[in-house]
Full PDB file with SEQRES, HELIX, SHEET, SSBOND, CRYST1, ORIGX, SCALE, CONECT and MASTER records, all heavy atoms in Angstrom:
SEQRES   1 A   43  LEU LEU THR ASP ALA ALA VAL PRO GLY ALA THR GLY THR          
SEQRES   2 A   43  GLU LEU ALA HIS ARG LEU ARG ARG ILE ARG PRO GLU LEU          
SEQRES   3 A   43  CYS VAL LEU CYS LEU ALA GLY HIS GLU GLU ALA HIS GLY          
SEQRES   4 A   43  GLY GLY THR LEU                                              
HELIX    1 AA1 GLY A   12  ILE A   22  1                                  11    
SHEET    1 AA1 2 LEU A   2  ASP A   4  0                                        
SHEET    2 AA1 2 LEU A  29  LEU A  31  1                                        
CRYST1    1.000    1.000    1.000  90.00  90.00  90.00 P 1           1          
ORIGX1      1.000000  0.000000  0.000000        0.00000                         
ORIGX2      0.000000  1.000000  0.000000        0.00000                         
ORIGX3      0.000000  0.000000  1.000000        0.00000                         
SCALE1      1.000000  0.000000  0.000000        0.00000                         
SCALE2      0.000000  1.000000  0.000000        0.00000                         
SCALE3      0.000000  0.000000  1.000000        0.00000                         
ATOM      1  N   LEU A   1      10.600   4.347   7.403  1.00  0.00           N  
ATOM      2  CA  LEU A   1      11.482   3.184   7.356  1.00  0.00           C  
ATOM      3  C   LEU A   1      10.676   2.015   7.895  1.00  0.00           C  
ATOM      4  O   LEU A   1      10.204   2.055   9.031  1.00  0.00           O  
ATOM      5  CB  LEU A   1      12.726   3.399   8.217  1.00  0.00           C  
ATOM      6  CG  LEU A   1      13.580   2.153   8.491  1.00  0.00           C  
ATOM      7  CD1 LEU A   1      14.199   1.620   7.198  1.00  0.00           C  
ATOM      8  CD2 LEU A   1      14.643   2.448   9.533  1.00  0.00           C  
ATOM      9  N   LEU A   2      10.502   0.982   7.084  1.00  0.00           N  
ATOM     10  CA  LEU A   2       9.859  -0.260   7.497  1.00  0.00           C  
ATOM     11  C   LEU A   2      10.969  -1.290   7.575  1.00  0.00           C  
ATOM     12  O   LEU A   2      11.584  -1.630   6.565  1.00  0.00           O  
ATOM     13  CB  LEU A   2       8.798  -0.665   6.475  1.00  0.00           C  
ATOM     14  CG  LEU A   2       8.035  -1.947   6.750  1.00  0.00           C  
ATOM     15  CD1 LEU A   2       7.248  -1.837   8.048  1.00  0.00           C  
ATOM     16  CD2 LEU A   2       7.107  -2.247   5.592  1.00  0.00           C  
ATOM     17  N   THR A   3      11.273  -1.746   8.782  1.00  0.00           N  
ATOM     18  CA  THR A   3      12.406  -2.631   8.982  1.00  0.00           C  
ATOM     19  C   THR A   3      12.023  -3.791   9.885  1.00  0.00           C  
ATOM     20  O   THR A   3      11.044  -3.723  10.620  1.00  0.00           O  
ATOM     21  CB  THR A   3      13.609  -1.871   9.591  1.00  0.00           C  
ATOM     22  OG1 THR A   3      14.728  -2.746   9.674  1.00  0.00           O  
ATOM     23  CG2 THR A   3      13.301  -1.318  10.961  1.00  0.00           C  
ATOM     24  N   ASP A   4      12.795  -4.836   9.809  1.00  0.00           N  
ATOM     25  CA  ASP A   4      12.622  -5.956  10.719  1.00  0.00           C  
ATOM     26  C   ASP A   4      13.392  -5.652  11.999  1.00  0.00           C  
ATOM     27  O   ASP A   4      14.326  -4.847  11.990  1.00  0.00           O  
ATOM     28  CB  ASP A   4      13.146  -7.242  10.071  1.00  0.00           C  
ATOM     29  CG  ASP A   4      12.614  -8.478  10.765  1.00  0.00           C  
ATOM     30  OD1 ASP A   4      11.538  -8.952  10.386  1.00  0.00           O  
ATOM     31  OD2 ASP A   4      13.290  -8.951  11.701  1.00  0.00           O  
ATOM     32  N   ALA A   5      13.019  -6.297  13.088  1.00  0.00           N  
ATOM     33  CA  ALA A   5      13.731  -6.093  14.355  1.00  0.00           C  
ATOM     34  C   ALA A   5      15.165  -6.607  14.273  1.00  0.00           C  
ATOM     35  O   ALA A   5      16.054  -6.075  14.926  1.00  0.00           O  
ATOM     36  CB  ALA A   5      12.984  -6.783  15.489  1.00  0.00           C  
ATOM     37  N   ALA A   6      15.385  -7.624  13.448  1.00  0.00           N  
ATOM     38  CA  ALA A   6      16.729  -8.190  13.290  1.00  0.00           C  
ATOM     39  C   ALA A   6      17.165  -8.029  11.841  1.00  0.00           C  
ATOM     40  O   ALA A   6      16.543  -8.574  10.941  1.00  0.00           O  
ATOM     41  CB  ALA A   6      16.730  -9.660  13.672  1.00  0.00           C  
ATOM     42  N   VAL A   7      18.188  -7.214  11.636  1.00  0.00           N  
ATOM     43  CA  VAL A   7      18.762  -7.026  10.300  1.00  0.00           C  
ATOM     44  C   VAL A   7      20.228  -7.440  10.380  1.00  0.00           C  
ATOM     45  O   VAL A   7      20.827  -7.401  11.459  1.00  0.00           O  
ATOM     46  CB  VAL A   7      18.614  -5.570   9.796  1.00  0.00           C  
ATOM     47  CG1 VAL A   7      17.160  -5.217   9.578  1.00  0.00           C  
ATOM     48  CG2 VAL A   7      19.242  -4.586  10.743  1.00  0.00           C  
ATOM     49  N   PRO A   8      20.831  -7.843   9.271  1.00  0.00           N  
ATOM     50  CA  PRO A   8      22.229  -8.293   9.321  1.00  0.00           C  
ATOM     51  C   PRO A   8      23.153  -7.236   9.941  1.00  0.00           C  
ATOM     52  O   PRO A   8      23.189  -6.097   9.494  1.00  0.00           O  
ATOM     53  CB  PRO A   8      22.583  -8.536   7.857  1.00  0.00           C  
ATOM     54  CG  PRO A   8      21.270  -8.834   7.205  1.00  0.00           C  
ATOM     55  CD  PRO A   8      20.262  -7.965   7.924  1.00  0.00           C  
ATOM     56  N   GLY A   9      23.829  -7.620  10.998  1.00  0.00           N  
ATOM     57  CA  GLY A   9      24.812  -6.747  11.622  1.00  0.00           C  
ATOM     58  C   GLY A   9      24.257  -5.701  12.567  1.00  0.00           C  
ATOM     59  O   GLY A   9      25.014  -4.869  13.078  1.00  0.00           O  
ATOM     60  N   ALA A  10      22.948  -5.699  12.828  1.00  0.00           N  
ATOM     61  CA  ALA A  10      22.366  -4.681  13.700  1.00  0.00           C  
ATOM     62  C   ALA A  10      20.973  -5.122  14.127  1.00  0.00           C  
ATOM     63  O   ALA A  10      20.547  -6.227  13.830  1.00  0.00           O  
ATOM     64  CB  ALA A  10      22.293  -3.340  12.971  1.00  0.00           C  
ATOM     65  N   THR A  11      20.283  -4.216  14.806  1.00  0.00           N  
ATOM     66  CA  THR A  11      18.865  -4.408  15.079  1.00  0.00           C  
ATOM     67  C   THR A  11      18.110  -3.323  14.328  1.00  0.00           C  
ATOM     68  O   THR A  11      18.709  -2.331  13.876  1.00  0.00           O  
ATOM     69  CB  THR A  11      18.552  -4.283  16.586  1.00  0.00           C  
ATOM     70  OG1 THR A  11      18.788  -2.926  16.988  1.00  0.00           O  
ATOM     71  CG2 THR A  11      19.380  -5.239  17.423  1.00  0.00           C  
ATOM     72  N   GLY A  12      16.823  -3.489  14.203  1.00  0.00           N  
ATOM     73  CA  GLY A  12      16.011  -2.466  13.553  1.00  0.00           C  
ATOM     74  C   GLY A  12      16.120  -1.130  14.264  1.00  0.00           C  
ATOM     75  O   GLY A  12      16.169  -0.071  13.642  1.00  0.00           O  
ATOM     76  N   THR A  13      16.200  -1.173  15.591  1.00  0.00           N  
ATOM     77  CA  THR A  13      16.339   0.052  16.380  1.00  0.00           C  
ATOM     78  C   THR A  13      17.667   0.737  16.093  1.00  0.00           C  
ATOM     79  O   THR A  13      17.726   1.959  15.921  1.00  0.00           O  
ATOM     80  CB  THR A  13      16.215  -0.258  17.885  1.00  0.00           C  
ATOM     81  OG1 THR A  13      14.941  -0.871  18.116  1.00  0.00           O  
ATOM     82  CG2 THR A  13      16.336   0.985  18.730  1.00  0.00           C  
ATOM     83  N   GLU A  14      18.747  -0.032  16.031  1.00  0.00           N  
ATOM     84  CA  GLU A  14      20.053   0.552  15.710  1.00  0.00           C  
ATOM     85  C   GLU A  14      20.049   1.173  14.321  1.00  0.00           C  
ATOM     86  O   GLU A  14      20.574   2.274  14.117  1.00  0.00           O  
ATOM     87  CB  GLU A  14      21.146  -0.518  15.794  1.00  0.00           C  
ATOM     88  CG  GLU A  14      21.420  -0.982  17.204  1.00  0.00           C  
ATOM     89  CD  GLU A  14      22.276  -2.246  17.276  1.00  0.00           C  
ATOM     90  OE1 GLU A  14      22.397  -2.970  16.268  1.00  0.00           O  
ATOM     91  OE2 GLU A  14      22.816  -2.494  18.360  1.00  0.00           O  
ATOM     92  N   LEU A  15      19.451   0.471  13.352  1.00  0.00           N  
ATOM     93  CA  LEU A  15      19.341   1.005  12.000  1.00  0.00           C  
ATOM     94  C   LEU A  15      18.561   2.315  12.000  1.00  0.00           C  
ATOM     95  O   LEU A  15      18.967   3.299  11.372  1.00  0.00           O  
ATOM     96  CB  LEU A  15      18.668  -0.023  11.082  1.00  0.00           C  
ATOM     97  CG  LEU A  15      18.405   0.420   9.652  1.00  0.00           C  
ATOM     98  CD1 LEU A  15      19.709   0.750   8.931  1.00  0.00           C  
ATOM     99  CD2 LEU A  15      17.638  -0.670   8.909  1.00  0.00           C  
ATOM    100  N   ALA A  16      17.462   2.343  12.730  1.00  0.00           N  
ATOM    101  CA  ALA A  16      16.646   3.565  12.803  1.00  0.00           C  
ATOM    102  C   ALA A  16      17.454   4.727  13.378  1.00  0.00           C  
ATOM    103  O   ALA A  16      17.414   5.834  12.839  1.00  0.00           O  
ATOM    104  CB  ALA A  16      15.404   3.306  13.648  1.00  0.00           C  
ATOM    105  N   HIS A  17      18.186   4.487  14.450  1.00  0.00           N  
ATOM    106  CA  HIS A  17      18.983   5.557  15.059  1.00  0.00           C  
ATOM    107  C   HIS A  17      20.065   6.056  14.101  1.00  0.00           C  
ATOM    108  O   HIS A  17      20.320   7.263  14.030  1.00  0.00           O  
ATOM    109  CB  HIS A  17      19.591   5.097  16.380  1.00  0.00           C  
ATOM    110  CG  HIS A  17      18.576   4.952  17.473  1.00  0.00           C  
ATOM    111  ND1 HIS A  17      17.806   5.987  17.953  1.00  0.00           N  
ATOM    112  CD2 HIS A  17      18.188   3.862  18.170  1.00  0.00           C  
ATOM    113  CE1 HIS A  17      17.006   5.561  18.895  1.00  0.00           C  
ATOM    114  NE2 HIS A  17      17.208   4.263  19.050  1.00  0.00           N  
ATOM    115  N   ARG A  18      20.686   5.147  13.374  1.00  0.00           N  
ATOM    116  CA  ARG A  18      21.703   5.560  12.379  1.00  0.00           C  
ATOM    117  C   ARG A  18      21.088   6.438  11.294  1.00  0.00           C  
ATOM    118  O   ARG A  18      21.653   7.472  10.924  1.00  0.00           O  
ATOM    119  CB  ARG A  18      22.339   4.338  11.732  1.00  0.00           C  
ATOM    120  CG  ARG A  18      23.257   3.570  12.632  1.00  0.00           C  
ATOM    121  CD  ARG A  18      23.835   2.377  11.906  1.00  0.00           C  
ATOM    122  NE  ARG A  18      24.400   1.425  12.847  1.00  0.00           N  
ATOM    123  CZ  ARG A  18      24.799   0.210  12.526  1.00  0.00           C  
ATOM    124  NH1 ARG A  18      24.690  -0.216  11.280  1.00  0.00           N  
ATOM    125  NH2 ARG A  18      25.296  -0.581  13.430  1.00  0.00           N  
ATOM    126  N   LEU A  19      19.947   6.015  10.772  1.00  0.00           N  
ATOM    127  CA  LEU A  19      19.308   6.777   9.701  1.00  0.00           C  
ATOM    128  C   LEU A  19      18.748   8.102  10.196  1.00  0.00           C  
ATOM    129  O   LEU A  19      18.740   9.091   9.461  1.00  0.00           O  
ATOM    130  CB  LEU A  19      18.221   5.954   9.032  1.00  0.00           C  
ATOM    131  CG  LEU A  19      18.740   4.776   8.215  1.00  0.00           C  
ATOM    132  CD1 LEU A  19      17.584   3.904   7.719  1.00  0.00           C  
ATOM    133  CD2 LEU A  19      19.566   5.268   7.030  1.00  0.00           C  
ATOM    134  N   ARG A  20      18.312   8.151  11.444  1.00  0.00           N  
ATOM    135  CA  ARG A  20      17.785   9.406  11.988  1.00  0.00           C  
ATOM    136  C   ARG A  20      18.879  10.439  12.217  1.00  0.00           C  
ATOM    137  O   ARG A  20      18.580  11.619  12.368  1.00  0.00           O  
ATOM    138  CB  ARG A  20      17.013   9.142  13.266  1.00  0.00           C  
ATOM    139  CG  ARG A  20      15.613   8.616  12.964  1.00  0.00           C  
ATOM    140  CD  ARG A  20      14.821   8.497  14.211  1.00  0.00           C  
ATOM    141  NE  ARG A  20      13.430   8.196  13.918  1.00  0.00           N  
ATOM    142  CZ  ARG A  20      12.604   7.699  14.810  1.00  0.00           C  
ATOM    143  NH1 ARG A  20      13.020   7.456  16.049  1.00  0.00           N  
ATOM    144  NH2 ARG A  20      11.360   7.449  14.485  1.00  0.00           N  
ATOM    145  N   ARG A  21      20.136  10.020  12.252  1.00  0.00           N  
ATOM    146  CA  ARG A  21      21.216  11.011  12.311  1.00  0.00           C  
ATOM    147  C   ARG A  21      21.239  11.829  11.027  1.00  0.00           C  
ATOM    148  O   ARG A  21      21.601  13.000  11.032  1.00  0.00           O  
ATOM    149  CB  ARG A  21      22.563  10.325  12.520  1.00  0.00           C  
ATOM    150  CG  ARG A  21      22.767   9.854  13.924  1.00  0.00           C  
ATOM    151  CD  ARG A  21      24.186   9.328  14.136  1.00  0.00           C  
ATOM    152  NE  ARG A  21      24.113   8.250  15.104  1.00  0.00           N  
ATOM    153  CZ  ARG A  21      24.623   7.046  14.959  1.00  0.00           C  
ATOM    154  NH1 ARG A  21      25.313   6.744  13.883  1.00  0.00           N  
ATOM    155  NH2 ARG A  21      24.471   6.145  15.882  1.00  0.00           N  
ATOM    156  N   ILE A  22      20.857  11.182   9.917  1.00  0.00           N  
ATOM    157  CA  ILE A  22      20.829  11.845   8.606  1.00  0.00           C  
ATOM    158  C   ILE A  22      19.473  12.504   8.365  1.00  0.00           C  
ATOM    159  O   ILE A  22      19.405  13.605   7.837  1.00  0.00           O  
ATOM    160  CB  ILE A  22      21.109  10.816   7.488  1.00  0.00           C  
ATOM    161  CG1 ILE A  22      22.466  10.153   7.703  1.00  0.00           C  
ATOM    162  CG2 ILE A  22      21.021  11.452   6.106  1.00  0.00           C  
ATOM    163  CD1 ILE A  22      22.661   8.882   6.888  1.00  0.00           C  
ATOM    164  N   ARG A  23      18.395  11.808   8.750  1.00  0.00           N  
ATOM    165  CA  ARG A  23      17.022  12.274   8.549  1.00  0.00           C  
ATOM    166  C   ARG A  23      16.270  12.212   9.878  1.00  0.00           C  
ATOM    167  O   ARG A  23      15.558  11.249  10.146  1.00  0.00           O  
ATOM    168  CB  ARG A  23      16.301  11.411   7.520  1.00  0.00           C  
ATOM    169  CG  ARG A  23      16.872  11.509   6.137  1.00  0.00           C  
ATOM    170  CD  ARG A  23      15.988  10.699   5.189  1.00  0.00           C  
ATOM    171  NE  ARG A  23      16.389  10.880   3.829  1.00  0.00           N  
ATOM    172  CZ  ARG A  23      16.012  11.891   3.045  1.00  0.00           C  
ATOM    173  NH1 ARG A  23      15.226  12.817   3.513  1.00  0.00           N  
ATOM    174  NH2 ARG A  23      16.436  11.973   1.807  1.00  0.00           N  
ATOM    175  N   PRO A  24      16.398  13.233  10.711  1.00  0.00           N  
ATOM    176  CA  PRO A  24      15.782  13.199  12.043  1.00  0.00           C  
ATOM    177  C   PRO A  24      14.260  13.048  12.031  1.00  0.00           C  
ATOM    178  O   PRO A  24      13.686  12.552  12.986  1.00  0.00           O  
ATOM    179  CB  PRO A  24      16.173  14.543  12.661  1.00  0.00           C  
ATOM    180  CG  PRO A  24      17.264  15.076  11.820  1.00  0.00           C  
ATOM    181  CD  PRO A  24      17.170  14.435  10.481  1.00  0.00           C  
ATOM    182  N   GLU A  25      13.611  13.466  10.962  1.00  0.00           N  
ATOM    183  CA  GLU A  25      12.153  13.408  10.885  1.00  0.00           C  
ATOM    184  C   GLU A  25      11.631  12.043  10.443  1.00  0.00           C  
ATOM    185  O   GLU A  25      10.419  11.824  10.386  1.00  0.00           O  
ATOM    186  CB  GLU A  25      11.639  14.488   9.913  1.00  0.00           C  
ATOM    187  CG  GLU A  25      11.910  14.201   8.441  1.00  0.00           C  
ATOM    188  CD  GLU A  25      13.370  14.349   7.973  1.00  0.00           C  
ATOM    189  OE1 GLU A  25      14.227  14.825   8.738  1.00  0.00           O  
ATOM    190  OE2 GLU A  25      13.640  13.969   6.833  1.00  0.00           O  
ATOM    191  N   LEU A  26      12.517  11.100  10.160  1.00  0.00           N  
ATOM    192  CA  LEU A  26      12.138   9.799   9.629  1.00  0.00           C  
ATOM    193  C   LEU A  26      11.236   9.025  10.590  1.00  0.00           C  
ATOM    194  O   LEU A  26      11.549   8.865  11.764  1.00  0.00           O  
ATOM    195  CB  LEU A  26      13.399   8.964   9.360  1.00  0.00           C  
ATOM    196  CG  LEU A  26      13.217   7.604   8.708  1.00  0.00           C  
ATOM    197  CD1 LEU A  26      12.677   7.738   7.286  1.00  0.00           C  
ATOM    198  CD2 LEU A  26      14.532   6.848   8.693  1.00  0.00           C  
ATOM    199  N   CYS A  27      10.102   8.557  10.090  1.00  0.00           N  
ATOM    200  CA  CYS A  27       9.214   7.682  10.854  1.00  0.00           C  
ATOM    201  C   CYS A  27       9.720   6.251  10.719  1.00  0.00           C  
ATOM    202  O   CYS A  27      10.271   5.880   9.692  1.00  0.00           O  
ATOM    203  CB  CYS A  27       7.798   7.747  10.301  1.00  0.00           C  
ATOM    204  SG  CYS A  27       7.025   9.352  10.470  1.00  0.00           S  
ATOM    205  N   VAL A  28       9.517   5.457  11.769  1.00  0.00           N  
ATOM    206  CA  VAL A  28      10.014   4.083  11.766  1.00  0.00           C  
ATOM    207  C   VAL A  28       8.920   3.143  12.251  1.00  0.00           C  
ATOM    208  O   VAL A  28       8.281   3.396  13.272  1.00  0.00           O  
ATOM    209  CB  VAL A  28      11.251   3.935  12.668  1.00  0.00           C  
ATOM    210  CG1 VAL A  28      11.752   2.497  12.656  1.00  0.00           C  
ATOM    211  CG2 VAL A  28      12.358   4.887  12.242  1.00  0.00           C  
ATOM    212  N   LEU A  29       8.754   2.053  11.509  1.00  0.00           N  
ATOM    213  CA  LEU A  29       7.882   0.955  11.923  1.00  0.00           C  
ATOM    214  C   LEU A  29       8.732  -0.301  11.871  1.00  0.00           C  
ATOM    215  O   LEU A  29       9.239  -0.673  10.814  1.00  0.00           O  
ATOM    216  CB  LEU A  29       6.666   0.828  11.005  1.00  0.00           C  
ATOM    217  CG  LEU A  29       5.703  -0.321  11.313  1.00  0.00           C  
ATOM    218  CD1 LEU A  29       5.183  -0.257  12.745  1.00  0.00           C  
ATOM    219  CD2 LEU A  29       4.544  -0.314  10.323  1.00  0.00           C  
ATOM    220  N   CYS A  30       8.909  -0.922  13.024  1.00  0.00           N  
ATOM    221  CA  CYS A  30       9.769  -2.093  13.151  1.00  0.00           C  
ATOM    222  C   CYS A  30       8.906  -3.343  13.319  1.00  0.00           C  
ATOM    223  O   CYS A  30       8.045  -3.387  14.189  1.00  0.00           O  
ATOM    224  CB  CYS A  30      10.674  -1.891  14.358  1.00  0.00           C  
ATOM    225  SG  CYS A  30      11.953  -3.141  14.518  1.00  0.00           S  
ATOM    226  N   LEU A  31       9.153  -4.340  12.479  1.00  0.00           N  
ATOM    227  CA  LEU A  31       8.419  -5.593  12.532  1.00  0.00           C  
ATOM    228  C   LEU A  31       9.142  -6.533  13.482  1.00  0.00           C  
ATOM    229  O   LEU A  31      10.314  -6.840  13.276  1.00  0.00           O  
ATOM    230  CB  LEU A  31       8.328  -6.207  11.139  1.00  0.00           C  
ATOM    231  CG  LEU A  31       7.826  -5.257  10.049  1.00  0.00           C  
ATOM    232  CD1 LEU A  31       7.854  -5.944   8.698  1.00  0.00           C  
ATOM    233  CD2 LEU A  31       6.451  -4.730  10.376  1.00  0.00           C  
ATOM    234  N   ALA A  32       8.462  -6.962  14.524  1.00  0.00           N  
ATOM    235  CA  ALA A  32       9.115  -7.756  15.569  1.00  0.00           C  
ATOM    236  C   ALA A  32       8.419  -9.092  15.748  1.00  0.00           C  
ATOM    237  O   ALA A  32       7.196  -9.160  15.758  1.00  0.00           O  
ATOM    238  CB  ALA A  32       9.099  -6.981  16.886  1.00  0.00           C  
ATOM    239  N   GLY A  33       9.220 -10.137  15.896  1.00  0.00           N  
ATOM    240  CA  GLY A  33       8.692 -11.451  16.205  1.00  0.00           C  
ATOM    241  C   GLY A  33       8.246 -11.509  17.644  1.00  0.00           C  
ATOM    242  O   GLY A  33       8.425 -10.566  18.416  1.00  0.00           O  
ATOM    243  N   HIS A  34       7.652 -12.614  18.032  1.00  0.00           N  
ATOM    244  CA  HIS A  34       7.134 -12.748  19.395  1.00  0.00           C  
ATOM    245  C   HIS A  34       8.197 -12.464  20.447  1.00  0.00           C  
ATOM    246  O   HIS A  34       7.945 -11.776  21.417  1.00  0.00           O  
ATOM    247  CB  HIS A  34       6.573 -14.159  19.616  1.00  0.00           C  
ATOM    248  CG  HIS A  34       5.389 -14.456  18.766  1.00  0.00           C  
ATOM    249  ND1 HIS A  34       4.166 -13.869  18.990  1.00  0.00           N  
ATOM    250  CD2 HIS A  34       5.231 -15.248  17.682  1.00  0.00           C  
ATOM    251  CE1 HIS A  34       3.303 -14.300  18.086  1.00  0.00           C  
ATOM    252  NE2 HIS A  34       3.937 -15.142  17.279  1.00  0.00           N  
ATOM    253  N   GLU A  35       9.401 -12.974  20.248  1.00  0.00           N  
ATOM    254  CA  GLU A  35      10.441 -12.790  21.253  1.00  0.00           C  
ATOM    255  C   GLU A  35      11.016 -11.380  21.276  1.00  0.00           C  
ATOM    256  O   GLU A  35      11.549 -10.941  22.274  1.00  0.00           O  
ATOM    257  CB  GLU A  35      11.580 -13.806  21.071  1.00  0.00           C  
ATOM    258  CG  GLU A  35      12.326 -13.696  19.755  1.00  0.00           C  
ATOM    259  CD  GLU A  35      11.629 -14.393  18.584  1.00  0.00           C  
ATOM    260  OE1 GLU A  35      10.588 -15.015  18.772  1.00  0.00           O  
ATOM    261  OE2 GLU A  35      12.162 -14.281  17.463  1.00  0.00           O  
ATOM    262  N   GLU A  36      10.904 -10.629  20.163  1.00  0.00           N  
ATOM    263  CA  GLU A  36      11.443  -9.265  20.140  1.00  0.00           C  
ATOM    264  C   GLU A  36      10.427  -8.237  20.622  1.00  0.00           C  
ATOM    265  O   GLU A  36      10.799  -7.172  21.063  1.00  0.00           O  
ATOM    266  CB  GLU A  36      11.873  -8.858  18.724  1.00  0.00           C  
ATOM    267  CG  GLU A  36      13.006  -9.666  18.175  1.00  0.00           C  
ATOM    268  CD  GLU A  36      12.580 -10.540  17.013  1.00  0.00           C  
ATOM    269  OE1 GLU A  36      11.387 -10.624  16.717  1.00  0.00           O  
ATOM    270  OE2 GLU A  36      13.464 -11.163  16.423  1.00  0.00           O  
ATOM    271  N   ALA A  37       9.138  -8.556  20.501  1.00  0.00           N  
ATOM    272  CA  ALA A  37       8.088  -7.583  20.827  1.00  0.00           C  
ATOM    273  C   ALA A  37       7.900  -7.491  22.341  1.00  0.00           C  
ATOM    274  O   ALA A  37       8.178  -8.423  23.070  1.00  0.00           O  
ATOM    275  CB  ALA A  37       6.778  -7.978  20.169  1.00  0.00           C  
ATOM    276  N   HIS A  38       7.413  -6.364  22.785  1.00  0.00           N  
ATOM    277  CA  HIS A  38       7.119  -6.150  24.202  1.00  0.00           C  
ATOM    278  C   HIS A  38       5.614  -5.978  24.336  1.00  0.00           C  
ATOM    279  O   HIS A  38       5.113  -4.880  24.463  1.00  0.00           O  
ATOM    280  CB  HIS A  38       7.854  -4.917  24.724  1.00  0.00           C  
ATOM    281  CG  HIS A  38       9.327  -4.976  24.520  1.00  0.00           C  
ATOM    282  ND1 HIS A  38      10.138  -5.794  25.257  1.00  0.00           N  
ATOM    283  CD2 HIS A  38      10.133  -4.352  23.631  1.00  0.00           C  
ATOM    284  CE1 HIS A  38      11.383  -5.655  24.857  1.00  0.00           C  
ATOM    285  NE2 HIS A  38      11.402  -4.791  23.861  1.00  0.00           N  
ATOM    286  N   GLY A  39       4.890  -7.073  24.236  1.00  0.00           N  
ATOM    287  CA  GLY A  39       3.437  -7.012  24.305  1.00  0.00           C  
ATOM    288  C   GLY A  39       2.837  -7.204  22.936  1.00  0.00           C  
ATOM    289  O   GLY A  39       3.512  -7.613  22.003  1.00  0.00           O  
ATOM    290  N   GLY A  40       1.570  -6.914  22.781  1.00  0.00           N  
ATOM    291  CA  GLY A  40       0.890  -7.185  21.518  1.00  0.00           C  
ATOM    292  C   GLY A  40       0.602  -5.933  20.726  1.00  0.00           C  
ATOM    293  O   GLY A  40       0.611  -4.837  21.239  1.00  0.00           O  
ATOM    294  N   GLY A  41       0.346  -6.122  19.476  1.00  0.00           N  
ATOM    295  CA  GLY A  41      -0.076  -5.031  18.607  1.00  0.00           C  
ATOM    296  C   GLY A  41       1.040  -4.081  18.253  1.00  0.00           C  
ATOM    297  O   GLY A  41       2.194  -4.455  18.169  1.00  0.00           O  
ATOM    298  N   THR A  42       0.686  -2.820  18.049  1.00  0.00           N  
ATOM    299  CA  THR A  42       1.643  -1.792  17.681  1.00  0.00           C  
ATOM    300  C   THR A  42       2.080  -1.056  18.934  1.00  0.00           C  
ATOM    301  O   THR A  42       1.261  -0.575  19.693  1.00  0.00           O  
ATOM    302  CB  THR A  42       1.001  -0.792  16.697  1.00  0.00           C  
ATOM    303  OG1 THR A  42       0.532  -1.519  15.585  1.00  0.00           O  
ATOM    304  CG2 THR A  42       1.982   0.250  16.242  1.00  0.00           C  
ATOM    305  N   LEU A  43       3.352  -0.976  19.154  1.00  0.00           N  
ATOM    306  CA  LEU A  43       3.908  -0.339  20.336  1.00  0.00           C  
ATOM    307  C   LEU A  43       4.798   0.811  19.931  1.00  0.00           C  
ATOM    308  O   LEU A  43       5.341   0.830  18.842  1.00  0.00           O  
ATOM    309  CB  LEU A  43       4.751  -1.348  21.123  1.00  0.00           C  
ATOM    310  CG  LEU A  43       4.065  -2.660  21.449  1.00  0.00           C  
ATOM    311  CD1 LEU A  43       5.083  -3.641  22.001  1.00  0.00           C  
ATOM    312  CD2 LEU A  43       2.984  -2.427  22.468  1.00  0.00           C  
TER     313      LEU A  43                                                      
MASTER        0    0    0    1    2    0    0    6  312    1    0    4          
END                                                                             
């Protein structure tokens, strides 16, 4: 799942958790702006 940190009606993290209820093995990469990220690079 390649998602933005902010999606309509949720966050990328919330979306990931919802989808992982159906597909627990799902990998997630969330694209975050400066204010959403916690440091630099891939976290």
